[in-house]
Amino acid sequence: MKIKILFFASLVEISQLKELEIEDCTSLSALKSVLASRYPEIDKTTYSIAVNQEINPPSTMLKDGDVVALLPPFSGG
């Protein structure tokens, strides 16, 4: 099972990536743990998670081919 992760704004700076493919992550909570271990600064950042363009809670289960976007708070006017 592969999922694609898209990083935006400050999360690009933390990860040094715009996107990443990960295998064998079955839930958003598992994904958050993997990301926190790879990029410790991510764990200190507030962000929302969208799966296939819908904001989802950490309990959401992932499927092969899902696209996960990590979205920090947006500001501006």
N, C-alpha and C. Protein backbone atom coordinates (compact mmCIF):
# COMPACT_ATOMS: atom_id res chain seq x y z
N MET A 1 0.85 -1.18 0.00
CA MET A 1 0.00 0.00 0.00
C MET A 1 0.89 1.24 0.00
N LYS A 2 0.64 2.14 -0.93
CA LYS A 2 1.38 3.40 -1.01
C LYS A 2 0.43 4.57 -0.88
N ILE A 3 0.88 5.58 -0.16
CA ILE A 3 0.14 6.83 -0.10
C ILE A 3 1.11 7.96 -0.44
N LYS A 4 0.56 9.03 -0.98
CA LYS A 4 1.37 10.21 -1.31
C LYS A 4 1.07 11.28 -0.27
N ILE A 5 2.13 11.90 0.23
CA ILE A 5 1.99 12.98 1.20
C ILE A 5 2.46 14.27 0.55
N LEU A 6 1.64 15.30 0.65
CA LEU A 6 1.97 16.62 0.12
C LEU A 6 2.22 17.56 1.29
N PHE A 7 3.34 18.26 1.27
CA PHE A 7 3.70 19.22 2.30
C PHE A 7 3.46 20.63 1.77
N PHE A 8 2.99 21.53 2.63
CA PHE A 8 2.74 22.91 2.22
C PHE A 8 3.38 23.88 3.22
N ALA A 9 3.73 25.06 2.69
CA ALA A 9 4.23 26.21 3.47
C ALA A 9 5.36 25.82 4.42
N SER A 10 5.20 26.09 5.70
CA SER A 10 6.28 25.85 6.67
C SER A 10 6.66 24.38 6.78
N LEU A 11 5.74 23.49 6.43
CA LEU A 11 6.05 22.06 6.49
C LEU A 11 7.02 21.64 5.39
N VAL A 12 7.05 22.38 4.29
CA VAL A 12 8.06 22.15 3.25
C VAL A 12 9.44 22.49 3.81
N GLU A 13 9.51 23.60 4.54
CA GLU A 13 10.79 24.01 5.14
C GLU A 13 11.28 22.98 6.16
N ILE A 14 10.38 22.44 6.95
CA ILE A 14 10.76 21.46 7.96
C ILE A 14 11.23 20.15 7.32
N SER A 15 10.48 19.65 6.36
CA SER A 15 10.78 18.35 5.76
C SER A 15 11.79 18.44 4.62
N GLN A 16 11.93 19.64 4.05
CA GLN A 16 12.75 19.83 2.85
C GLN A 16 12.19 19.06 1.66
N LEU A 17 10.89 18.79 1.70
CA LEU A 17 10.20 18.05 0.63
C LEU A 17 8.88 18.72 0.31
N LYS A 18 8.46 18.61 -0.95
CA LYS A 18 7.12 19.03 -1.33
C LYS A 18 6.17 17.84 -1.33
N GLU A 19 6.72 16.65 -1.61
CA GLU A 19 5.91 15.45 -1.54
C GLU A 19 6.78 14.24 -1.21
N LEU A 20 6.10 13.19 -0.75
CA LEU A 20 6.77 11.98 -0.29
C LEU A 20 5.81 10.82 -0.46
N GLU A 21 6.31 9.66 -0.84
CA GLU A 21 5.49 8.45 -0.87
C GLU A 21 5.90 7.57 0.30
N ILE A 22 4.90 7.04 1.00
CA ILE A 22 5.14 6.16 2.14
C ILE A 22 4.33 4.89 1.92
N GLU A 23 4.91 3.77 2.34
CA GLU A 23 4.22 2.49 2.26
C GLU A 23 3.83 2.02 3.65
N ASP A 24 2.77 1.24 3.70
CA ASP A 24 2.36 0.52 4.91
C ASP A 24 1.98 1.40 6.09
N CYS A 25 1.38 2.55 5.84
CA CYS A 25 0.78 3.36 6.90
C CYS A 25 -0.73 3.19 6.76
N THR A 26 -1.37 2.66 7.76
CA THR A 26 -2.79 2.33 7.62
C THR A 26 -3.75 3.38 8.18
N SER A 27 -3.22 4.33 8.97
CA SER A 27 -4.10 5.36 9.53
C SER A 27 -3.35 6.68 9.61
N LEU A 28 -4.12 7.76 9.77
CA LEU A 28 -3.48 9.06 9.92
C LEU A 28 -2.68 9.15 11.21
N SER A 29 -3.14 8.51 12.27
CA SER A 29 -2.36 8.56 13.51
C SER A 29 -1.02 7.85 13.34
N ALA A 30 -0.99 6.73 12.61
CA ALA A 30 0.28 6.05 12.33
C ALA A 30 1.17 6.92 11.45
N LEU A 31 0.58 7.59 10.48
CA LEU A 31 1.34 8.49 9.61
C LEU A 31 1.95 9.63 10.42
N LYS A 32 1.18 10.22 11.33
CA LYS A 32 1.71 11.30 12.17
C LYS A 32 2.90 10.82 12.99
N SER A 33 2.85 9.61 13.49
CA SER A 33 3.98 9.05 14.26
C SER A 33 5.21 8.88 13.38
N VAL A 34 5.03 8.38 12.16
CA VAL A 34 6.14 8.20 11.24
C VAL A 34 6.77 9.55 10.91
N LEU A 35 5.93 10.53 10.62
CA LEU A 35 6.44 11.86 10.27
C LEU A 35 7.16 12.51 11.45
N ALA A 36 6.64 12.33 12.65
CA ALA A 36 7.27 12.91 13.84
C ALA A 36 8.64 12.28 14.09
N SER A 37 8.77 11.00 13.80
CA SER A 37 10.08 10.36 14.01
C SER A 37 11.09 10.79 12.94
N ARG A 38 10.62 11.02 11.72
CA ARG A 38 11.52 11.47 10.64
C ARG A 38 11.84 12.95 10.74
N TYR A 39 10.85 13.75 11.13
CA TYR A 39 10.98 15.21 11.16
C TYR A 39 10.46 15.71 12.52
N PRO A 40 11.28 15.67 13.56
CA PRO A 40 10.82 16.02 14.91
C PRO A 40 10.15 17.40 15.01
N GLU A 41 10.57 18.36 14.18
CA GLU A 41 9.97 19.70 14.24
C GLU A 41 8.50 19.69 13.82
N ILE A 42 8.12 18.72 13.01
CA ILE A 42 6.70 18.63 12.57
C ILE A 42 5.80 18.43 13.78
N ASP A 43 6.29 17.67 14.76
CA ASP A 43 5.48 17.39 15.95
C ASP A 43 5.20 18.64 16.77
N LYS A 44 5.99 19.69 16.58
CA LYS A 44 5.82 20.95 17.32
C LYS A 44 4.98 21.96 16.53
N THR A 45 4.49 21.54 15.36
CA THR A 45 3.78 22.44 14.46
C THR A 45 2.30 22.09 14.43
N THR A 46 1.47 23.10 14.35
CA THR A 46 0.03 22.89 14.20
C THR A 46 -0.29 22.76 12.72
N TYR A 47 -1.03 21.73 12.38
CA TYR A 47 -1.44 21.56 10.99
C TYR A 47 -2.68 20.67 10.91
N SER A 48 -3.42 20.83 9.83
CA SER A 48 -4.57 19.99 9.54
C SER A 48 -4.15 18.94 8.52
N ILE A 49 -4.92 17.87 8.47
CA ILE A 49 -4.62 16.80 7.52
C ILE A 49 -5.83 16.57 6.64
N ALA A 50 -5.61 16.62 5.34
CA ALA A 50 -6.66 16.32 4.38
C ALA A 50 -6.31 15.03 3.64
N VAL A 51 -7.29 14.17 3.50
CA VAL A 51 -7.13 12.95 2.71
C VAL A 51 -8.04 13.09 1.50
N ASN A 52 -7.44 13.04 0.33
CA ASN A 52 -8.20 13.19 -0.92
C ASN A 52 -9.07 14.45 -0.88
N GLN A 53 -8.48 15.55 -0.41
CA GLN A 53 -9.05 16.89 -0.38
C GLN A 53 -10.17 17.09 0.65
N GLU A 54 -10.22 16.23 1.68
CA GLU A 54 -11.18 16.41 2.77
C GLU A 54 -10.44 16.35 4.09
N ILE A 55 -10.68 17.33 4.97
CA ILE A 55 -10.06 17.35 6.29
C ILE A 55 -10.58 16.14 7.08
N ASN A 56 -9.65 15.43 7.74
CA ASN A 56 -10.01 14.20 8.44
C ASN A 56 -9.39 14.15 9.82
N PRO A 57 -10.02 13.40 10.76
CA PRO A 57 -9.45 13.21 12.09
C PRO A 57 -8.33 12.16 12.06
N PRO A 58 -7.47 12.12 13.10
CA PRO A 58 -6.38 11.16 13.13
C PRO A 58 -6.82 9.69 13.07
N SER A 59 -8.04 9.40 13.43
CA SER A 59 -8.52 8.01 13.42
C SER A 59 -8.83 7.49 12.01
N THR A 60 -8.75 8.37 11.00
CA THR A 60 -9.07 7.98 9.63
C THR A 60 -8.14 6.89 9.13
N MET A 61 -8.73 5.86 8.53
CA MET A 61 -7.95 4.77 7.94
C MET A 61 -7.57 5.16 6.51
N LEU A 62 -6.38 4.76 6.10
CA LEU A 62 -5.87 5.09 4.77
C LEU A 62 -5.98 3.89 3.84
N LYS A 63 -6.10 4.19 2.53
CA LYS A 63 -6.18 3.16 1.50
C LYS A 63 -5.06 3.39 0.49
N ASP A 64 -4.74 2.36 -0.24
CA ASP A 64 -3.74 2.46 -1.29
C ASP A 64 -4.13 3.57 -2.27
N GLY A 65 -3.19 4.43 -2.58
CA GLY A 65 -3.42 5.49 -3.54
C GLY A 65 -3.95 6.79 -2.95
N ASP A 66 -4.23 6.82 -1.63
CA ASP A 66 -4.70 8.06 -1.01
C ASP A 66 -3.65 9.15 -1.15
N VAL A 67 -4.13 10.39 -1.24
CA VAL A 67 -3.26 11.56 -1.24
C VAL A 67 -3.55 12.34 0.05
N VAL A 68 -2.51 12.48 0.85
CA VAL A 68 -2.62 13.15 2.14
C VAL A 68 -1.91 14.49 2.05
N ALA A 69 -2.62 15.56 2.39
CA ALA A 69 -2.03 16.91 2.38
C ALA A 69 -1.89 17.39 3.83
N LEU A 70 -0.70 17.87 4.16
CA LEU A 70 -0.45 18.45 5.47
C LEU A 70 -0.54 19.95 5.33
N LEU A 71 -1.51 20.55 6.02
CA LEU A 71 -1.86 21.95 5.81
C LEU A 71 -1.67 22.78 7.08
N PRO A 72 -0.61 23.59 7.13
CA PRO A 72 -0.45 24.48 8.29
C PRO A 72 -1.51 25.59 8.23
N PRO A 73 -1.71 26.31 9.33
CA PRO A 73 -2.69 27.41 9.32
C PRO A 73 -2.34 28.43 8.22
N PHE A 74 -3.35 28.91 7.56
CA PHE A 74 -3.17 29.90 6.52
C PHE A 74 -3.50 31.27 7.07
N SER A 75 -2.80 32.29 6.60
CA SER A 75 -3.11 33.64 7.01
C SER A 75 -3.05 34.54 5.78
N GLY A 76 -3.49 35.72 5.95
CA GLY A 76 -3.47 36.67 4.82
C GLY A 76 -4.83 37.29 4.64
N GLY A 77 -4.94 38.02 3.59
CA GLY A 77 -6.22 38.70 3.40
C GLY A 77 -6.52 39.03 2.01
